[in-house]
Each structure stands twice: as C-alpha cells, then as structure tokens.
Amino acid sequence: MPQTIENPADWEIRSVIRLLNAKDVKVAAIHRQISEVYEKNIMIEGMVRKWVRAFKDGRMNVNDEERSGRTFVITEDLVQRVD
C-alpha cells in the first residue's frame, strides 16, 4: 500500500494530473491514483476531468489564476490585534 501524503498543495495535485495526462492515463485511473496517495476525498473525479480537459486544451500552468474580488491581505499588525 502506498504511503499517504497529507495536506498537499493544490498545484502539487494538478502537477500529478498533468503528468499522468501526458502519459495518456485515463481520468478514472488518475483519480484512483490521487486518492490512493493523497487523502481519499482530495478531489472528485469530475474536477480531475476538468483539469485533464484544461491541459489537453493547452493549459500549462498548474497554479491558480488571478480572480477578481476582494483581496486577502494579512499584515503583522492584524495578527497582533487578533492575538
């Protein structure tokens, strides 16, 4: 049984999807392998399918894209106030 990896970064899982997709591994098999190594419910198969489609369409970046909306900023001053 493979060793499990806890709390992986999102880009790490997407990198695995990109690698396995490049090796022509099917979506269900990618999902199964991710579920074996990472937490069981780390990503649903539909989301794996979405990322496989994005990589097949030419996406190269595994990082989150910038989104509009409220920015998230934590300052040292804010941390001290909370403490």
Foldseek 3Di string as FASTA:
>chain_A
DDAADEDDDQLVLLVLLLVVLVVVDDLVVSLVVNCVHYPVPPDDSVVSVVSSVVVVVPDDDSDDDDDDDDDDDDDPVNVVVVD
